[in-house]
Every structure is written in C-alpha cells, then in structure tokens.
Protein backbone atom coordinates (compact mmCIF):
# COMPACT_ATOMS: atom_id res chain seq x y z
CA MET A 1 6.69 -32.51 27.60
CA SER A 2 2.75 -31.18 26.88
CA MET A 3 1.14 -31.41 24.32
CA ILE A 4 -2.12 -29.83 23.18
CA GLN A 5 -4.54 -31.33 20.22
CA VAL A 6 -6.55 -29.18 18.39
CA LYS A 7 -9.64 -30.09 16.28
CA ILE A 8 -10.10 -28.66 13.14
CA PRO A 9 -14.40 -28.21 13.03
CA GLN A 10 -16.43 -30.69 10.52
CA ASN A 11 -18.03 -27.70 8.81
CA LEU A 12 -15.91 -24.46 7.96
CA SER A 13 -18.63 -22.34 7.83
CA LEU A 14 -17.83 -18.25 8.26
CA ILE A 15 -19.14 -18.57 11.60
CA ASN A 16 -17.33 -21.67 12.48
CA ALA A 17 -13.92 -20.21 11.07
CA LEU A 18 -13.95 -17.03 13.29
CA ASN A 19 -14.86 -18.93 16.17
CA PHE A 20 -12.43 -21.67 16.06
CA CYS A 21 -9.33 -18.76 14.96
CA ASN A 22 -10.81 -17.14 18.13
CA ARG A 23 -10.57 -20.16 20.74
CA LEU A 24 -6.98 -20.54 18.72
CA TRP A 25 -6.06 -17.41 20.71
CA ASP A 26 -7.28 -18.63 23.88
CA LEU A 27 -4.86 -21.77 24.10
CA GLU A 28 -2.56 -21.86 26.61
CA HIS A 29 1.27 -22.21 26.12
CA SER A 30 2.73 -25.66 25.20
CA ASP A 31 5.67 -27.37 23.80
CA GLU A 32 3.45 -29.02 20.96
CA TYR A 33 0.30 -28.48 18.93
CA ALA A 34 -1.31 -31.32 16.84
CA PHE A 35 -3.93 -30.30 14.81
CA ASP A 36 -6.12 -32.83 13.63
CA PHE A 37 -8.09 -32.66 10.53
CA VAL A 38 -10.10 -35.98 10.90
CA ASN A 39 -13.50 -34.06 10.97
CA LEU A 40 -12.90 -31.66 8.20
CA CYS A 41 -15.45 -32.28 5.50
CA ARG A 42 -16.72 -28.70 4.01
CA VAL A 43 -14.39 -25.82 3.42
CA GLU A 44 -15.12 -22.96 1.28
CA PRO A 45 -12.43 -20.43 0.01
CA PHE A 46 -13.04 -17.27 2.38
CA THR A 47 -12.87 -19.59 5.64
CA MET A 48 -9.86 -21.57 4.16
CA ALA A 49 -7.84 -18.70 3.27
CA TYR A 50 -8.60 -17.02 6.91
CA VAL A 51 -7.56 -20.32 8.87
CA ALA A 52 -4.70 -20.97 7.21
CA ASN A 53 -3.62 -17.14 7.69
CA GLU A 54 -4.37 -17.54 11.10
CA LEU A 55 -2.48 -20.93 12.07
CA LYS A 56 0.45 -19.41 10.14
CA ARG A 57 0.57 -16.46 12.40
CA PHE A 58 -0.44 -18.82 15.67
CA ARG A 59 2.94 -20.80 14.23
CA GLU A 60 5.28 -17.62 14.20
CA THR A 61 3.72 -16.38 17.44
CA LYS A 62 5.08 -19.75 19.01
CA PRO A 63 8.78 -20.32 17.58
CA LYS A 64 9.87 -22.89 20.19
CA SER A 65 6.78 -25.18 20.12
CA LYS A 66 6.37 -28.29 17.90
CA PHE A 67 3.77 -28.34 15.52
CA THR A 68 2.39 -31.93 13.45
CA ALA A 69 -0.55 -32.43 11.35
CA LEU A 70 -3.06 -35.75 11.97
CA ASN A 71 -5.37 -37.18 9.39
CA HIS A 72 -5.05 -34.59 6.64
CA LYS A 73 -3.58 -36.36 3.57
CA ASN A 74 -7.01 -37.46 2.31
CA LYS A 75 -7.99 -33.64 2.28
CA SER A 76 -7.34 -33.56 -1.41
CA TYR A 77 -9.56 -30.28 -2.39
CA ALA A 78 -7.80 -28.23 0.55
CA ALA A 79 -4.84 -29.93 -0.35
CA HIS A 80 -4.87 -28.85 -3.99
CA MET A 81 -6.07 -25.40 -3.45
CA GLY A 82 -2.64 -24.93 -1.11
CA PHE A 83 -4.15 -24.53 1.89
CA PHE A 84 -1.68 -26.91 4.33
CA ARG A 85 1.22 -25.42 2.54
CA ALA A 86 -0.26 -21.70 3.27
CA PHE A 87 0.60 -22.28 7.05
CA GLY A 88 3.69 -24.22 6.72
CA LEU A 89 2.62 -27.84 6.44
CA LYS A 90 4.59 -29.23 3.82
CA PHE A 91 1.53 -31.31 1.84
CA GLY A 92 -0.28 -30.61 -1.33
CA ASN A 93 0.42 -27.16 -3.37
CA GLU A 94 1.84 -24.29 -2.70
CA PRO A 95 -0.45 -21.02 -3.28
CA GLY A 96 -0.76 -20.15 -6.55
CA GLU A 97 0.94 -23.76 -7.87
CA ALA A 98 -2.48 -25.19 -8.82
CA ALA A 99 -3.60 -23.73 -12.41
CA GLY A 100 -7.21 -23.58 -11.18
CA SER A 101 -10.07 -24.36 -13.32
CA SER A 102 -13.58 -22.95 -14.90
CA THR A 103 -15.18 -22.96 -11.51
CA TYR A 104 -12.22 -22.03 -8.88
CA LEU A 105 -8.94 -20.02 -8.36
CA PRO A 106 -6.71 -21.53 -5.70
CA LEU A 107 -4.78 -19.92 -2.93
CA THR A 108 -2.86 -17.15 -4.80
CA ILE A 109 -0.75 -14.27 -3.49
CA LEU A 110 0.20 -10.87 -5.26
CA ASN A 111 3.23 -9.21 -4.63
CA VAL A 112 1.74 -5.25 -3.77
CA ALA A 113 5.06 -3.94 -5.03
CA GLU A 114 5.31 -5.84 -7.75
CA LEU A 115 1.74 -4.84 -9.06
CA LYS A 116 2.99 -0.94 -8.47
CA LYS A 117 6.21 -2.10 -10.43
CA GLU A 118 4.33 -3.40 -13.39
CA ALA A 119 2.00 -0.31 -13.37
CA THR A 120 5.38 2.04 -13.48
CA ASP A 121 7.21 -0.16 -16.09
CA SER A 122 4.32 0.10 -18.75
CA TYR A 123 3.50 3.72 -18.07
CA ASP A 124 0.04 2.86 -16.50
CA HIS A 125 -1.93 3.79 -13.68
CA VAL A 126 -1.85 0.58 -10.87
CA GLY A 127 -5.36 0.79 -11.18
CA ASN A 128 -6.31 -0.31 -14.87
CA VAL A 129 -2.98 -3.07 -14.14
CA ILE A 130 -5.36 -4.24 -11.49
CA GLU A 131 -8.56 -4.17 -13.50
CA ALA A 132 -6.66 -6.12 -15.97
CA LYS A 133 -5.87 -9.24 -13.07
CA SER A 134 -9.65 -8.70 -11.87
CA GLU A 135 -10.93 -9.36 -15.40
CA ARG A 136 -8.67 -12.39 -16.23
CA ILE A 137 -9.99 -13.71 -13.01
CA ALA A 138 -13.81 -13.07 -13.72
CA LYS A 139 -13.65 -14.81 -16.93
CA ILE A 140 -11.53 -17.77 -15.42
CA LEU A 141 -14.38 -18.04 -12.97
CA THR A 142 -17.29 -17.47 -15.20
CA ARG A 143 -16.30 -19.26 -18.19
CA LEU A 144 -17.17 -16.34 -20.26
CA GLU A 145 -15.49 -13.64 -22.54
CA ASP A 146 -17.99 -11.20 -21.47
CA GLY A 147 -21.51 -9.52 -20.42
CA ASP A 148 -22.81 -8.71 -17.16
CA LEU A 149 -21.82 -10.76 -15.06
CA VAL A 150 -18.22 -10.53 -16.34
CA ASP A 151 -18.21 -6.86 -15.89
CA THR A 152 -19.94 -6.98 -12.43
CA LEU A 153 -17.44 -9.51 -11.05
CA THR A 154 -14.62 -7.22 -12.94
CA PHE A 155 -15.53 -4.19 -10.98
CA SER A 156 -16.23 -6.00 -7.77
CA ILE A 157 -12.82 -7.74 -7.25
CA ARG A 158 -10.95 -4.43 -8.38
CA GLU A 159 -12.60 -2.25 -5.81
CA ILE A 160 -11.34 -4.68 -3.11
CA LEU A 161 -8.20 -5.29 -4.50
CA ARG A 162 -7.84 -1.42 -5.19
CA ASN A 163 -8.51 -0.59 -1.94
CA VAL A 164 -5.45 -2.90 -0.72
CA VAL A 165 -3.33 -1.49 -2.48
CA GLU A 166 -4.25 1.71 -1.55
CA HIS A 167 -4.95 1.92 2.17
CA SER A 168 -3.51 -0.94 3.92
CA ASP A 169 0.17 -0.97 3.76
CA SER A 170 0.15 -4.47 2.97
CA GLU A 171 3.07 -6.27 1.14
CA VAL A 172 0.58 -8.93 -0.28
CA ILE A 173 -2.17 -9.69 -1.33
CA GLU A 174 -3.75 -13.44 -0.68
CA TYR A 175 -7.06 -14.39 -2.87
CA CYS A 176 -8.75 -17.18 -3.68
CA ALA A 177 -12.70 -18.08 -5.40
CA GLN A 178 -14.99 -20.40 -6.16
CA TYR A 179 -18.04 -20.24 -8.38
CA TRP A 180 -20.81 -22.91 -8.14
CA PRO A 181 -23.23 -22.62 -11.68
CA THR A 182 -25.79 -24.82 -10.04
CA LYS A 183 -26.25 -22.34 -7.06
CA ASN A 184 -26.03 -19.25 -8.90
CA LEU A 185 -23.32 -18.48 -6.51
CA VAL A 186 -19.82 -16.84 -6.74
CA GLU A 187 -17.37 -16.27 -3.78
CA PHE A 188 -14.37 -14.06 -3.78
CA ALA A 189 -12.20 -14.14 -0.99
CA VAL A 190 -9.28 -11.38 0.04
CA LEU A 191 -7.03 -11.28 2.62
CA ASP A 192 -4.40 -8.48 3.81
CA THR A 193 -1.57 -8.21 6.39
CA GLY A 194 -2.00 -4.62 6.73
CA ASN A 195 -2.75 -1.89 9.26
CA GLY A 196 -6.63 -2.50 9.14
CA ILE A 197 -9.49 0.17 8.52
CA LYS A 198 -9.26 2.37 11.30
CA HIS A 199 -5.59 3.06 10.51
CA GLY A 200 -6.50 3.62 6.63
CA LEU A 201 -9.63 5.89 7.53
CA SER A 202 -7.14 7.83 10.47
CA THR A 203 -5.46 10.44 8.06
CA ASN A 204 -9.30 12.05 7.74
CA PRO A 205 -9.60 14.38 10.01
CA TYR A 206 -13.40 14.85 10.02
CA LEU A 207 -13.98 11.31 11.29
CA LYS A 208 -14.23 10.29 15.33
CA ILE A 209 -13.22 6.88 15.56
CA LYS A 210 -13.21 5.13 18.66
CA ASP A 211 -12.37 1.71 17.56
CA GLU A 212 -12.21 -0.81 14.35
CA ARG A 213 -16.13 -1.38 14.85
CA ASP A 214 -16.41 2.27 14.44
CA ALA A 215 -14.12 2.19 11.39
CA LEU A 216 -15.92 -0.47 9.99
CA HIS A 217 -18.85 1.05 10.23
CA LEU A 218 -17.55 4.11 8.71
CA ALA A 219 -16.13 2.55 5.87
CA MET A 220 -19.12 1.13 4.67
CA LEU A 221 -20.86 4.39 3.78
CA PRO A 222 -20.77 6.04 0.49
CA GLY A 223 -18.07 8.63 0.61
CA VAL A 224 -15.91 8.02 3.49
CA SER A 225 -12.82 7.93 2.61
CA GLY A 226 -8.79 8.38 4.34
CA LYS A 227 -7.63 10.35 1.27
CA MET A 228 -10.51 12.14 0.28
CA PHE A 229 -12.05 14.65 2.21
CA LYS A 230 -12.69 18.63 2.67
CA GLY A 231 -9.76 20.62 1.64
CA VAL A 232 -8.31 17.62 -0.21
CA LYS A 233 -8.20 19.00 -3.85
CA LYS A 234 -9.61 17.19 -6.33
CA ARG A 235 -7.95 16.00 -9.51
CA ARG A 236 -9.66 16.60 -12.54
CA ASP A 237 -7.25 14.52 -14.89
CA ASP A 238 -7.08 11.78 -12.40
CA GLU A 239 -10.08 9.17 -12.82
CA TRP A 240 -8.80 6.82 -10.07
CA GLN A 241 -8.88 9.38 -7.43
CA ASN A 242 -10.23 7.87 -4.23
CA SER A 243 -13.36 9.00 -3.30
CA GLY A 244 -14.57 6.36 -0.65
CA PHE A 245 -17.26 4.35 -2.52
CA GLY A 246 -15.52 1.14 -3.48
CA LEU A 247 -16.60 -0.04 -0.60
CA TYR A 248 -19.89 0.97 -0.46
CA MET A 249 -20.60 -0.35 -4.14
CA THR A 250 -19.19 -3.55 -4.05
CA SER A 251 -21.31 -4.26 -0.73
CA ARG A 252 -24.43 -3.36 -2.55
CA ILE A 253 -23.55 -5.47 -5.30
CA CYS A 254 -22.96 -8.39 -3.05
CA ARG A 255 -26.21 -7.51 -0.79
CA ASN A 256 -28.24 -7.86 -3.60
CA GLY A 257 -29.39 -11.37 -3.20
CA GLY A 258 -25.88 -12.33 -1.47
CA ASP A 259 -23.62 -11.15 1.22
CA PHE A 260 -20.44 -9.23 2.15
CA PHE A 261 -18.47 -9.53 5.18
CA ILE A 262 -15.41 -7.54 6.17
CA ALA A 263 -13.10 -8.13 9.15
CA SER A 264 -10.51 -5.56 10.40
CA ASN A 265 -8.24 -7.01 13.09
CA ASP A 266 -10.65 -7.28 16.06
CA LYS A 267 -14.02 -6.55 14.60
CA SER A 268 -16.01 -7.62 11.06
CA ILE A 269 -19.40 -7.15 10.14
CA LEU A 270 -21.62 -9.39 7.81
CA LEU A 271 -24.19 -7.57 5.79
CA ASP A 272 -26.61 -9.21 3.64
CA ARG A 273 -30.01 -7.70 1.95
CA THR A 274 -31.79 -7.50 5.46
CA SER A 275 -29.01 -7.53 8.48
CA LYS A 276 -25.91 -6.12 9.67
CA GLN A 277 -24.25 -8.44 11.98
CA ASP A 278 -21.03 -7.05 14.40
CA LEU A 279 -18.84 -10.50 14.95
CA GLU A 280 -16.13 -10.78 17.00
CA CYS A 281 -12.65 -11.59 15.42
CA LYS A 282 -8.95 -11.91 16.76
CA TYR A 283 -7.42 -11.28 12.95
CA LYS A 284 -4.53 -9.13 12.12
CA GLY A 285 -5.21 -6.68 9.12
CA THR A 286 -8.34 -6.83 6.57
CA ALA A 287 -10.55 -9.81 5.30
CA LEU A 288 -13.19 -10.00 3.13
CA ARG A 289 -15.44 -12.09 1.72
CA LEU A 290 -17.63 -11.27 -1.24
CA ARG A 291 -20.74 -13.92 -2.22
CA ILE A 292 -22.81 -12.62 -5.33
CA ASP A 293 -26.12 -14.09 -6.49
CA THR A 294 -25.10 -14.42 -10.47
CA SER A 295 -28.95 -15.10 -10.76
CA ARG A 296 -29.83 -11.13 -9.13
CA ILE A 297 -26.70 -9.26 -11.60
CA SER A 298 -29.00 -6.94 -14.05
CA THR A 299 -27.60 -4.94 -16.71
CA TYR A 300 -24.06 -4.24 -15.39
CA SER A 301 -24.40 -0.25 -16.22
CA GLU A 302 -27.64 0.38 -14.97
CA MET A 303 -27.11 -1.33 -11.62
CA LEU A 304 -23.78 0.76 -11.30
CA ALA A 305 -25.55 3.75 -12.26
CA GLN A 306 -28.39 3.29 -9.47
CA TYR A 307 -26.46 2.31 -6.82
CA ARG A 308 -23.90 5.45 -7.74
CA THR A 309 -27.58 7.68 -7.61
CA GLU A 310 -28.45 5.71 -4.55
CA GLY A 311 -25.01 6.11 -2.86
CA TYR A 312 -24.51 10.22 -3.07
CA GLU A 313 -27.96 11.10 -1.82
CA ALA A 314 -26.93 8.83 1.30
CA ALA A 315 -23.55 10.76 1.23
CA LYS A 316 -25.07 14.20 0.95
CA LYS A 317 -27.15 13.64 4.04
CA PHE A 318 -24.06 12.28 6.20
CA SER A 319 -21.59 14.99 5.07
CA GLY A 320 -24.55 17.73 3.64
CA LYS A 321 -22.66 19.89 1.26
CA ASP A 322 -19.13 18.77 1.82
CA ALA A 323 -20.37 15.19 -0.05
CA ILE A 324 -17.69 13.84 -1.99
CA GLU A 325 -18.84 12.97 -5.37
CA PRO A 326 -18.28 9.31 -6.29
CA SER A 327 -14.88 9.15 -8.22
CA ILE A 328 -15.51 8.05 -12.36
CA ALA A 329 -13.54 4.37 -11.23
CA SER A 330 -15.34 3.80 -8.14
CA THR A 331 -18.54 3.84 -10.32
CA MET A 332 -17.52 2.32 -13.41
CA LEU A 333 -14.97 0.17 -15.64
CA ALA A 334 -11.91 1.74 -16.79
CA ARG A 335 -12.95 0.67 -20.61
CA ASP A 336 -16.02 2.54 -20.03
CA PHE A 337 -14.29 6.03 -18.54
CA GLN A 338 -11.79 5.72 -20.80
CA GLU A 339 -14.04 5.87 -23.44
CA THR A 340 -15.98 8.98 -22.69
C-alpha cells in the first residue's frame, strides 16, 4: 500500500497557498495521503478558506483513498477558525461554530437558498437582506456602530456577497475575516463553488470571451455585466438591478492602499494600487480576497461618488454610447438610496 506525505507550507501567504494547491492536483494517485502540518505557522483568513476548500475537493475526488493528518493538534488558531473541520478532519470547531470576536470572523457558510427565502418571507429584496448581514459583519470587525469605515466595509462586503447570489449559481457562500487594528488592515474572504466568472458573463452577447482570464479582466471593468447590456430594459423602480459596477467599485476601494484578489476556476488576478498580476490556479468556482487599508478610508459618500464618476467615464470609453450607467445600489448603501 503506497502513501504520499504532503507538507503544508510554513507560511500560507496568498502565493504560497496558490502554489501549494496547484501542486496538490499534480500528485500521483495513492492509496493513502498524509498531510503534515508541522511547519504551519502563519495562516490568513483567505488562504485558510482557500486551502480548506481545495483539500476538501481533493478528498472528494479520491473516495477510495485514505487521508490522515499529522502534527495538527497544536494549531489552535486554525482549529478555532474551523479550518480542519472544513475539509473533513474531525478536529477543532465546525465552520461557523466559533462566535468570533471583535477582530475576526471564523469560517462561516451561508446557504443561498435560505438567504432568498429570508427575503421572500419578509417581503424584502435579497439585496437588503445581504446588506443587513454585511453591516453586522462590518460592525463586529471594526468594533464600531457607525462611521465611514463601517459604511465602506458594509458596501464592499455586500457587493461581493450579492455578486455570488446573482451570478454564480453556487448553493453556498463561505466567508471569513480578520481585522488588524495595529496594521490598519481588514481582510475579508469570500468563496463559492459555482460556475465562475466566464459563465456569468456568457449571457452578454456583446462580449467576446475566450477563457477565464478574458472574463476576469472584463469583469473588473466598470459597466460590464452578464445581466445588463444593450437591449435589456432598465427597470426604473428597481434600484438593485445589476449594472456591472460592483466588482469595479469594490476593487477601487481595496486598491486604495490595500489589494484585491479574485480567482475564477483556473485563472486569477491580484490588483493593487500600481500593478496587476495574472496568476495560475486550479480552483473550482470563484474566490475573492479584499484587503482594505483602513487608514486611507476617506468620507464614504465622497469616495464612492468619485469612483462612480471615474468608472462611468471609463465605461463610456469602453462601450461608447451603449455604456451602462451605474445602478443606484452599486454606488451606495440601501439606506442611502431608500432615503432619497
């Protein structure tokens, strides 16, 4: 009986996590796989969720193989956050079991059908339900009840969660987060097991999309959507109608001192203030990491107004007279547009 031993990297940074998971899928078939966590020291919210998802998927593709874990019982942070249980190891908390604290949220799973049912049962739009959940997340992370930081995080988290619900066809959304006040840094991770960005944009007949890389680069442009394009009637009474500005607006917030990472199936992009990197991956679905420099959050309403204006100008250069104007929801919080 053959066994392959796999060592988890010491530092699960973004690049290390991507490389580790890419190599995972290149492993030869074995009767047994032993994952050794002896070197694991540093783990971040996104990479923890990403690696857990990939380990789970890897196990599911090898139903007849045995899986064991080594040297994992002293990894208290990962165990508390639900990392081990997320990929099937009976150790630590289940995802969502830990209550979290004022600076972190453990791995948590949202059921998309339950989100939609909650909206239906309360005669509300699912966008409002998602925004309420996003605001609770923002308040837990920042230890604040209101202010520009809470509003900015609420907006960013809402747009990412809304994107999953509207486009991915995923049954679940997985998220986790961490706030490092001394570093002025917030990280929010969202992962789904849906069809990816290319599939979501494929309903737009005006887009020429060769692969996931094309789709990712298009999705980051303002006004690019799989649901709103020339010929689709704009519903004047629907502030939540998709306009293709959500990812653009959120990435602009992140790039102001932080960074924005998005993976769609086998391609990914890392964006910061000055650069754009194309990175290879072997994921299934869509995974996003938002890192926001809290020291650079300016007046929330002024910041979004600036990005909206710049985005619409860019959309007009890309699409000309057919450019889609930003929807109300993609440029402000619901409580703001419901008061106007």
